[in-house]
Amino acid sequence: MSSDLGTAARDRPPKNDTLFAEINIKCLNVGLVNNQLGLGNPYAYLFTLALVKDLQEVFGAQNAQGLFLTELGNQRKNALIDPFFETRASSTKKGLTVTPPQHRDIDFVDKVHNLHKYLTGACRAARLRHLEVIARAPYAYIGDPNKLGVSPPKQFHPYPGNTQR
């Protein structure tokens, strides 16, 4: 599900004494589950192909400056997605897993060790090498640092005693 955060600003005309700049940021609820990256699961390639096309659309035709991604794996601290990338990369390095010939153009799926490198590989596959990736699973930001600067997130701790998050 994608949403356009720039619509409200676009519908509001600037006042005479106000500097006005349109910022086009997109959000994508990815919904990638850790086991979809499991060894032998072809969904990893299908998902990656779709993500590459989404990146081309968002930063091409939709002319976005940034894209926030959510639900990149499990949200529990002890069950994040990076170990699944690590398992794929280790298996490939040992020769136990081979990228299918029809997916050689996205073979980074089987070689990267973490979410940051995976998203960087997706940007390269989309021919968007100029984009910056900031990733802290299960969230990430991809954007053009020449158009919009975003800082890496700082660790947030919920109110002490709140165990529901």
N, C-alpha and C. Protein backbone atom coordinates (compact mmCIF):
# COMPACT_ATOMS: atom_id res chain seq x y z
N MET A 1 0.84 -1.17 0.00
CA MET A 1 0.00 0.00 0.00
C MET A 1 0.89 1.23 0.00
N SER A 2 0.69 2.12 -0.93
CA SER A 2 1.50 3.31 -1.07
C SER A 2 0.67 4.53 -0.72
N SER A 3 1.30 5.54 -0.16
CA SER A 3 0.59 6.78 0.10
C SER A 3 1.47 7.94 -0.30
N ASP A 4 0.83 9.03 -0.67
CA ASP A 4 1.52 10.22 -1.14
C ASP A 4 1.40 11.29 -0.06
N LEU A 5 2.52 11.62 0.57
CA LEU A 5 2.52 12.61 1.63
C LEU A 5 2.59 14.03 1.10
N GLY A 6 2.78 14.21 -0.20
CA GLY A 6 2.92 15.54 -0.77
C GLY A 6 1.63 16.14 -1.27
N THR A 7 0.54 15.41 -1.28
CA THR A 7 -0.71 15.89 -1.86
C THR A 7 -1.25 17.11 -1.14
N ALA A 8 -1.27 17.10 0.19
CA ALA A 8 -1.81 18.22 0.95
C ALA A 8 -1.05 19.50 0.65
N ALA A 9 0.25 19.42 0.58
CA ALA A 9 1.07 20.60 0.28
C ALA A 9 0.82 21.10 -1.13
N ARG A 10 0.62 20.20 -2.06
CA ARG A 10 0.40 20.57 -3.45
C ARG A 10 -0.93 21.29 -3.61
N ASP A 11 -1.93 20.94 -2.81
CA ASP A 11 -3.26 21.53 -2.91
C ASP A 11 -3.35 22.89 -2.22
N ARG A 12 -2.34 23.27 -1.46
CA ARG A 12 -2.35 24.51 -0.72
C ARG A 12 -1.42 25.50 -1.42
N PRO A 13 -1.96 26.60 -1.96
CA PRO A 13 -1.10 27.57 -2.65
C PRO A 13 -0.21 28.32 -1.66
N PRO A 14 1.01 28.69 -2.09
CA PRO A 14 1.91 29.42 -1.20
C PRO A 14 1.43 30.85 -0.97
N LYS A 15 1.68 31.37 0.22
CA LYS A 15 1.39 32.77 0.50
C LYS A 15 2.52 33.61 -0.09
N ASN A 16 2.26 34.88 -0.31
CA ASN A 16 3.25 35.76 -0.95
C ASN A 16 4.56 35.84 -0.20
N ASP A 17 4.53 35.79 1.13
CA ASP A 17 5.74 35.94 1.91
C ASP A 17 6.31 34.61 2.41
N THR A 18 5.85 33.50 1.84
CA THR A 18 6.26 32.18 2.30
C THR A 18 7.05 31.46 1.21
N LEU A 19 8.16 30.90 1.62
CA LEU A 19 8.94 30.05 0.70
C LEU A 19 8.20 28.73 0.56
N PHE A 20 7.99 28.28 -0.64
CA PHE A 20 7.21 27.07 -0.87
C PHE A 20 8.03 26.09 -1.69
N ALA A 21 8.14 24.89 -1.20
CA ALA A 21 8.84 23.83 -1.92
C ALA A 21 8.02 22.55 -1.81
N GLU A 22 7.78 21.93 -2.91
CA GLU A 22 7.04 20.67 -2.90
C GLU A 22 8.00 19.53 -2.61
N ILE A 23 7.63 18.71 -1.65
CA ILE A 23 8.41 17.52 -1.31
C ILE A 23 7.54 16.32 -1.60
N ASN A 24 8.05 15.41 -2.39
CA ASN A 24 7.29 14.23 -2.79
C ASN A 24 7.93 13.00 -2.14
N ILE A 25 7.30 12.55 -1.06
CA ILE A 25 7.79 11.38 -0.34
C ILE A 25 6.73 10.29 -0.42
N LYS A 26 7.16 9.09 -0.69
CA LYS A 26 6.25 7.96 -0.77
C LYS A 26 6.48 7.03 0.41
N CYS A 27 5.47 6.24 0.72
CA CYS A 27 5.56 5.21 1.75
C CYS A 27 5.09 3.89 1.15
N LEU A 28 5.78 2.82 1.49
CA LEU A 28 5.40 1.50 0.98
C LEU A 28 5.45 0.51 2.12
N ASN A 29 4.30 -0.07 2.44
CA ASN A 29 4.23 -1.14 3.43
C ASN A 29 4.58 -2.42 2.70
N VAL A 30 5.80 -2.88 2.90
CA VAL A 30 6.36 -3.98 2.11
C VAL A 30 5.75 -5.33 2.48
N GLY A 31 5.66 -5.62 3.76
CA GLY A 31 5.09 -6.89 4.20
C GLY A 31 5.96 -8.09 3.90
N LEU A 32 7.28 -7.92 3.93
CA LEU A 32 8.19 -9.03 3.70
C LEU A 32 8.37 -9.81 5.00
N VAL A 33 8.10 -11.10 4.96
CA VAL A 33 8.23 -11.97 6.12
C VAL A 33 9.58 -12.67 6.06
N ASN A 34 10.22 -12.82 7.21
CA ASN A 34 11.57 -13.39 7.26
C ASN A 34 11.70 -14.69 6.48
N ASN A 35 10.77 -15.64 6.68
CA ASN A 35 10.93 -16.95 6.03
C ASN A 35 10.75 -16.89 4.51
N GLN A 36 10.28 -15.78 3.98
CA GLN A 36 10.20 -15.63 2.53
C GLN A 36 11.60 -15.50 1.92
N LEU A 37 12.59 -15.27 2.77
CA LEU A 37 13.98 -15.25 2.33
C LEU A 37 14.68 -16.57 2.62
N GLY A 38 13.94 -17.55 3.11
CA GLY A 38 14.54 -18.84 3.45
C GLY A 38 15.16 -19.51 2.24
N LEU A 39 16.14 -20.35 2.49
CA LEU A 39 16.82 -21.07 1.41
C LEU A 39 15.81 -21.85 0.57
N GLY A 40 15.96 -21.75 -0.72
CA GLY A 40 15.08 -22.48 -1.64
C GLY A 40 13.72 -21.84 -1.86
N ASN A 41 13.43 -20.74 -1.22
CA ASN A 41 12.14 -20.09 -1.41
C ASN A 41 12.24 -19.13 -2.60
N PRO A 42 11.57 -19.45 -3.72
CA PRO A 42 11.67 -18.61 -4.91
C PRO A 42 11.00 -17.25 -4.74
N TYR A 43 10.22 -17.08 -3.68
CA TYR A 43 9.56 -15.79 -3.45
C TYR A 43 10.57 -14.65 -3.30
N ALA A 44 11.75 -14.95 -2.79
CA ALA A 44 12.77 -13.90 -2.62
C ALA A 44 13.08 -13.22 -3.95
N TYR A 45 13.12 -14.00 -5.03
CA TYR A 45 13.41 -13.43 -6.35
C TYR A 45 12.21 -12.66 -6.89
N LEU A 46 11.02 -13.21 -6.72
CA LEU A 46 9.81 -12.53 -7.20
C LEU A 46 9.61 -11.21 -6.46
N PHE A 47 9.82 -11.23 -5.15
CA PHE A 47 9.70 -10.01 -4.36
C PHE A 47 10.71 -8.98 -4.83
N THR A 48 11.94 -9.40 -5.04
CA THR A 48 13.00 -8.48 -5.44
C THR A 48 12.72 -7.86 -6.81
N LEU A 49 12.26 -8.65 -7.75
CA LEU A 49 11.90 -8.12 -9.07
C LEU A 49 10.81 -7.06 -8.95
N ALA A 50 9.81 -7.32 -8.11
CA ALA A 50 8.73 -6.35 -7.90
C ALA A 50 9.26 -5.08 -7.22
N LEU A 51 10.17 -5.25 -6.25
CA LEU A 51 10.74 -4.09 -5.57
C LEU A 51 11.55 -3.23 -6.54
N VAL A 52 12.32 -3.84 -7.41
CA VAL A 52 13.11 -3.09 -8.40
C VAL A 52 12.17 -2.28 -9.30
N LYS A 53 11.08 -2.88 -9.74
CA LYS A 53 10.10 -2.15 -10.57
C LYS A 53 9.45 -1.01 -9.78
N ASP A 54 9.14 -1.26 -8.50
CA ASP A 54 8.55 -0.20 -7.66
C ASP A 54 9.52 0.98 -7.53
N LEU A 55 10.80 0.69 -7.33
CA LEU A 55 11.79 1.75 -7.21
C LEU A 55 11.88 2.57 -8.49
N GLN A 56 11.86 1.88 -9.63
CA GLN A 56 11.90 2.59 -10.91
C GLN A 56 10.67 3.49 -11.08
N GLU A 57 9.52 3.01 -10.68
CA GLU A 57 8.29 3.79 -10.78
C GLU A 57 8.30 4.99 -9.82
N VAL A 58 8.64 4.74 -8.56
CA VAL A 58 8.61 5.79 -7.55
C VAL A 58 9.59 6.91 -7.86
N PHE A 59 10.82 6.55 -8.23
CA PHE A 59 11.84 7.56 -8.47
C PHE A 59 11.89 8.01 -9.93
N GLY A 60 11.12 7.36 -10.79
CA GLY A 60 11.03 7.76 -12.19
C GLY A 60 9.75 8.53 -12.44
N ALA A 61 8.72 7.82 -12.84
CA ALA A 61 7.45 8.44 -13.22
C ALA A 61 6.82 9.27 -12.10
N GLN A 62 6.96 8.81 -10.86
CA GLN A 62 6.33 9.53 -9.74
C GLN A 62 7.22 10.64 -9.17
N ASN A 63 8.47 10.69 -9.62
CA ASN A 63 9.40 11.77 -9.29
C ASN A 63 9.52 12.05 -7.78
N ALA A 64 9.61 10.98 -7.00
CA ALA A 64 9.73 11.13 -5.54
C ALA A 64 11.16 11.48 -5.15
N GLN A 65 11.29 12.21 -4.05
CA GLN A 65 12.61 12.49 -3.49
C GLN A 65 13.00 11.43 -2.47
N GLY A 66 11.98 10.74 -1.91
CA GLY A 66 12.26 9.75 -0.89
C GLY A 66 11.18 8.70 -0.80
N LEU A 67 11.56 7.55 -0.24
CA LEU A 67 10.63 6.44 -0.07
C LEU A 67 10.88 5.80 1.29
N PHE A 68 9.85 5.77 2.13
CA PHE A 68 9.92 5.06 3.40
C PHE A 68 9.36 3.67 3.21
N LEU A 69 10.06 2.66 3.70
CA LEU A 69 9.62 1.27 3.61
C LEU A 69 9.37 0.74 5.01
N THR A 70 8.26 0.05 5.18
CA THR A 70 7.93 -0.54 6.47
C THR A 70 7.69 -2.04 6.32
N GLU A 71 7.71 -2.74 7.43
CA GLU A 71 7.47 -4.18 7.50
C GLU A 71 8.46 -4.97 6.63
N LEU A 72 9.72 -4.68 6.82
CA LEU A 72 10.79 -5.44 6.17
C LEU A 72 11.25 -6.50 7.16
N GLY A 73 10.48 -7.54 7.27
CA GLY A 73 10.77 -8.61 8.21
C GLY A 73 10.04 -8.43 9.52
N ASN A 74 10.34 -9.30 10.44
CA ASN A 74 9.70 -9.32 11.75
C ASN A 74 10.07 -8.07 12.55
N GLN A 75 9.15 -7.61 13.38
CA GLN A 75 9.40 -6.42 14.17
C GLN A 75 10.00 -6.72 15.54
N ARG A 76 10.04 -7.97 15.93
CA ARG A 76 10.63 -8.31 17.23
C ARG A 76 12.15 -8.21 17.15
N LYS A 77 12.72 -7.62 18.19
CA LYS A 77 14.17 -7.38 18.23
C LYS A 77 14.98 -8.67 18.07
N ASN A 78 14.49 -9.76 18.60
CA ASN A 78 15.24 -11.03 18.55
C ASN A 78 14.92 -11.85 17.30
N ALA A 79 14.17 -11.29 16.36
CA ALA A 79 13.80 -12.05 15.16
C ALA A 79 13.86 -11.17 13.90
N LEU A 80 14.89 -10.35 13.81
CA LEU A 80 15.01 -9.45 12.66
C LEU A 80 15.43 -10.20 11.40
N ILE A 81 15.42 -9.51 10.28
CA ILE A 81 15.58 -10.13 8.97
C ILE A 81 17.04 -10.40 8.58
N ASP A 82 17.99 -9.66 9.14
CA ASP A 82 19.39 -9.80 8.72
C ASP A 82 19.94 -11.23 8.79
N PRO A 83 19.62 -12.03 9.80
CA PRO A 83 20.13 -13.41 9.80
C PRO A 83 19.67 -14.24 8.60
N PHE A 84 18.53 -13.92 8.04
CA PHE A 84 18.05 -14.64 6.86
C PHE A 84 18.89 -14.27 5.63
N PHE A 85 19.26 -13.00 5.52
CA PHE A 85 20.19 -12.61 4.45
C PHE A 85 21.54 -13.29 4.66
N GLU A 86 22.01 -13.33 5.89
CA GLU A 86 23.29 -13.95 6.22
C GLU A 86 23.30 -15.43 5.84
N THR A 87 22.21 -16.14 6.14
CA THR A 87 22.11 -17.56 5.81
C THR A 87 22.18 -17.79 4.30
N ARG A 88 21.45 -16.94 3.54
CA ARG A 88 21.48 -17.06 2.07
C ARG A 88 22.89 -16.82 1.55
N ALA A 89 23.55 -15.75 2.05
CA ALA A 89 24.89 -15.40 1.57
C ALA A 89 25.89 -16.50 1.91
N SER A 90 25.80 -17.02 3.10
CA SER A 90 26.71 -18.08 3.53
C SER A 90 26.54 -19.35 2.69
N SER A 91 25.29 -19.70 2.42
CA SER A 91 25.00 -20.88 1.62
C SER A 91 25.52 -20.72 0.19
N THR A 92 25.39 -19.53 -0.35
CA THR A 92 25.88 -19.25 -1.70
C THR A 92 27.40 -19.30 -1.74
N LYS A 93 28.03 -18.71 -0.74
CA LYS A 93 29.49 -18.70 -0.69
C LYS A 93 30.06 -20.12 -0.59
N LYS A 94 29.37 -20.99 0.13
CA LYS A 94 29.81 -22.38 0.29
C LYS A 94 29.45 -23.24 -0.92
N GLY A 95 28.72 -22.67 -1.89
CA GLY A 95 28.32 -23.43 -3.07
C GLY A 95 27.11 -24.31 -2.87
N LEU A 96 26.43 -24.15 -1.74
CA LEU A 96 25.25 -24.96 -1.45
C LEU A 96 23.99 -24.43 -2.14
N THR A 97 24.02 -23.14 -2.47
CA THR A 97 22.90 -22.50 -3.15
C THR A 97 23.43 -21.82 -4.40
N VAL A 98 22.69 -21.93 -5.48
CA VAL A 98 23.07 -21.29 -6.74
C VAL A 98 21.88 -20.47 -7.22
N THR A 99 22.13 -19.23 -7.58
CA THR A 99 21.07 -18.38 -8.11
C THR A 99 20.58 -18.97 -9.43
N PRO A 100 19.26 -19.16 -9.58
CA PRO A 100 18.74 -19.69 -10.85
C PRO A 100 19.14 -18.78 -12.03
N PRO A 101 19.41 -19.38 -13.19
CA PRO A 101 19.87 -18.59 -14.35
C PRO A 101 18.94 -17.42 -14.70
N GLN A 102 17.64 -17.61 -14.57
CA GLN A 102 16.70 -16.54 -14.93
C GLN A 102 16.73 -15.36 -13.96
N HIS A 103 17.46 -15.50 -12.84
CA HIS A 103 17.54 -14.43 -11.85
C HIS A 103 18.96 -13.92 -11.63
N ARG A 104 19.85 -14.20 -12.56
CA ARG A 104 21.25 -13.78 -12.41
C ARG A 104 21.38 -12.25 -12.33
N ASP A 105 20.43 -11.52 -12.95
CA ASP A 105 20.50 -10.05 -12.91
C ASP A 105 20.18 -9.50 -11.51
N ILE A 106 19.64 -10.33 -10.63
CA ILE A 106 19.39 -9.92 -9.25
C ILE A 106 20.05 -10.90 -8.28
N ASP A 107 21.21 -11.40 -8.66
CA ASP A 107 21.89 -12.40 -7.82
C ASP A 107 22.36 -11.85 -6.48
N PHE A 108 22.31 -10.53 -6.31
CA PHE A 108 22.67 -9.95 -5.02
C PHE A 108 21.78 -10.49 -3.91
N VAL A 109 20.58 -10.95 -4.25
CA VAL A 109 19.66 -11.52 -3.25
C VAL A 109 20.35 -12.66 -2.49
N ASP A 110 21.19 -13.39 -3.18
CA ASP A 110 21.86 -14.55 -2.59
C ASP A 110 23.26 -14.22 -2.07
N LYS A 111 23.69 -12.98 -2.15
CA LYS A 111 25.06 -12.63 -1.78
C LYS A 111 25.19 -11.61 -0.66
N VAL A 112 24.15 -10.84 -0.41
CA VAL A 112 24.24 -9.77 0.60
C VAL A 112 24.01 -10.33 2.00
N HIS A 113 24.58 -9.65 2.99
CA HIS A 113 24.53 -10.13 4.37
C HIS A 113 23.54 -9.39 5.25
N ASN A 114 22.91 -8.32 4.72
CA ASN A 114 21.98 -7.58 5.55
C ASN A 114 21.00 -6.77 4.71
N LEU A 115 20.02 -6.20 5.38
CA LEU A 115 18.97 -5.44 4.71
C LEU A 115 19.53 -4.23 3.97
N HIS A 116 20.46 -3.52 4.58
CA HIS A 116 21.04 -2.34 3.94
C HIS A 116 21.66 -2.69 2.58
N LYS A 117 22.46 -3.74 2.55
CA LYS A 117 23.11 -4.15 1.30
C LYS A 117 22.09 -4.67 0.29
N TYR A 118 21.05 -5.33 0.78
CA TYR A 118 19.99 -5.81 -0.11
C TYR A 118 19.31 -4.63 -0.80
N LEU A 119 18.93 -3.62 -0.04
CA LEU A 119 18.24 -2.47 -0.63
C LEU A 119 19.18 -1.67 -1.55
N THR A 120 20.45 -1.61 -1.20
CA THR A 120 21.44 -0.97 -2.07
C THR A 120 21.53 -1.74 -3.40
N GLY A 121 21.52 -3.08 -3.32
CA GLY A 121 21.53 -3.90 -4.54
C GLY A 121 20.28 -3.68 -5.37
N ALA A 122 19.14 -3.53 -4.72
CA ALA A 122 17.88 -3.28 -5.45
C ALA A 122 17.94 -1.93 -6.17
N CYS A 123 18.52 -0.93 -5.52
CA CYS A 123 18.68 0.38 -6.17
C CYS A 123 19.59 0.27 -7.40
N ARG A 124 20.67 -0.47 -7.27
CA ARG A 124 21.58 -0.66 -8.42
C ARG A 124 20.89 -1.40 -9.55
N ALA A 125 20.13 -2.43 -9.21
CA ALA A 125 19.40 -3.19 -10.24
C ALA A 125 18.37 -2.31 -10.94
N ALA A 126 17.86 -1.32 -10.23
CA ALA A 126 16.88 -0.38 -10.81
C ALA A 126 17.57 0.76 -11.54
N ARG A 127 18.91 0.72 -11.60
CA ARG A 127 19.72 1.77 -12.23
C ARG A 127 19.53 3.12 -11.52
N LEU A 128 19.50 3.05 -10.19
CA LEU A 128 19.32 4.23 -9.36
C LEU A 128 20.48 4.30 -8.34
N ARG A 129 21.69 4.27 -8.85
CA ARG A 129 22.88 4.22 -7.99
C ARG A 129 23.07 5.48 -7.15
N HIS A 130 22.45 6.56 -7.53
CA HIS A 130 22.63 7.82 -6.81
C HIS A 130 21.83 7.88 -5.51
N LEU A 131 20.94 6.92 -5.30
CA LEU A 131 20.10 6.95 -4.11
C LEU A 131 20.85 6.48 -2.87
N GLU A 132 20.46 7.04 -1.74
CA GLU A 132 21.03 6.70 -0.44
C GLU A 132 20.06 5.75 0.28
N VAL A 133 20.60 4.75 0.94
CA VAL A 133 19.80 3.80 1.70
C VAL A 133 20.13 3.94 3.19
N ILE A 134 19.10 4.08 3.98
CA ILE A 134 19.24 4.06 5.44
C ILE A 134 18.30 2.95 5.91
N ALA A 135 18.85 1.94 6.54
CA ALA A 135 18.02 0.79 6.92
C ALA A 135 18.27 0.39 8.37
N ARG A 136 17.21 0.23 9.07
CA ARG A 136 17.23 -0.35 10.41
C ARG A 136 15.95 -1.18 10.49
N ALA A 137 16.13 -2.48 10.22
CA ALA A 137 14.99 -3.38 10.15
C ALA A 137 14.12 -3.24 11.40
N PRO A 138 12.82 -3.22 11.18
CA PRO A 138 12.06 -3.53 9.97
C PRO A 138 11.68 -2.32 9.12
N TYR A 139 12.45 -1.22 9.23
CA TYR A 139 12.15 -0.01 8.47
C TYR A 139 13.35 0.39 7.63
N ALA A 140 13.06 1.19 6.59
CA ALA A 140 14.15 1.71 5.77
C ALA A 140 13.68 2.97 5.06
N TYR A 141 14.66 3.74 4.62
CA TYR A 141 14.42 4.94 3.82
C TYR A 141 15.37 4.88 2.64
N ILE A 142 14.85 5.19 1.47
CA ILE A 142 15.66 5.30 0.26
C ILE A 142 15.36 6.66 -0.33
N GLY A 143 16.40 7.42 -0.64
CA GLY A 143 16.14 8.74 -1.18
C GLY A 143 17.33 9.34 -1.88
N ASP A 144 17.07 10.44 -2.54
CA ASP A 144 18.09 11.18 -3.26
C ASP A 144 18.68 12.22 -2.30
N PRO A 145 19.91 12.03 -1.84
CA PRO A 145 20.49 12.95 -0.86
C PRO A 145 20.71 14.37 -1.42
N ASN A 146 20.69 14.51 -2.74
CA ASN A 146 20.83 15.83 -3.35
C ASN A 146 19.53 16.62 -3.33
N LYS A 147 18.42 15.92 -3.10
CA LYS A 147 17.11 16.59 -3.09
C LYS A 147 16.52 16.71 -1.69
N LEU A 148 16.85 15.73 -0.82
CA LEU A 148 16.28 15.73 0.52
C LEU A 148 17.21 14.98 1.46
N GLY A 149 17.67 15.63 2.49
CA GLY A 149 18.57 14.99 3.44
C GLY A 149 17.81 14.34 4.58
N VAL A 150 18.15 13.11 4.90
CA VAL A 150 17.53 12.38 6.00
C VAL A 150 18.64 11.78 6.84
N SER A 151 18.53 11.92 8.15
CA SER A 151 19.52 11.36 9.06
C SER A 151 19.13 9.96 9.48
N PRO A 152 20.10 9.11 9.78
CA PRO A 152 19.77 7.78 10.30
C PRO A 152 18.97 7.90 11.59
N PRO A 153 18.10 6.94 11.86
CA PRO A 153 17.26 7.03 13.06
C PRO A 153 18.07 6.80 14.33
N LYS A 154 17.61 7.42 15.39
CA LYS A 154 18.19 7.18 16.71
C LYS A 154 17.31 6.16 17.41
N GLN A 155 17.93 5.35 18.23
CA GLN A 155 17.20 4.32 18.95
C GLN A 155 16.16 4.96 19.86
N PHE A 156 14.94 4.48 19.80
CA PHE A 156 13.84 4.97 20.62
C PHE A 156 13.47 3.88 21.61
N HIS A 157 13.33 4.26 22.85
CA HIS A 157 12.92 3.31 23.87
C HIS A 157 11.54 3.73 24.39
N PRO A 158 10.56 2.84 24.38
CA PRO A 158 9.24 3.21 24.89
C PRO A 158 9.29 3.50 26.37
N TYR A 159 8.24 4.10 26.85
CA TYR A 159 8.11 4.42 28.26
C TYR A 159 8.41 3.18 29.10
N PRO A 160 9.24 3.31 30.14
CA PRO A 160 9.58 2.15 30.98
C PRO A 160 8.33 1.42 31.47
N GLY A 161 8.39 0.11 31.37
CA GLY A 161 7.27 -0.71 31.79
C GLY A 161 6.29 -1.03 30.68
N ASN A 162 6.39 -0.32 29.55
CA ASN A 162 5.48 -0.57 28.43
C ASN A 162 6.02 -1.77 27.66
N THR A 163 5.45 -2.93 27.89
CA THR A 163 5.92 -4.14 27.23
C THR A 163 5.04 -4.54 26.05
N GLN A 164 4.09 -3.69 25.70
CA GLN A 164 3.16 -3.99 24.61
C GLN A 164 3.74 -3.63 23.25
N ARG A 165 4.91 -3.00 23.19
CA ARG A 165 5.50 -2.62 21.91
C ARG A 165 6.73 -3.43 21.63
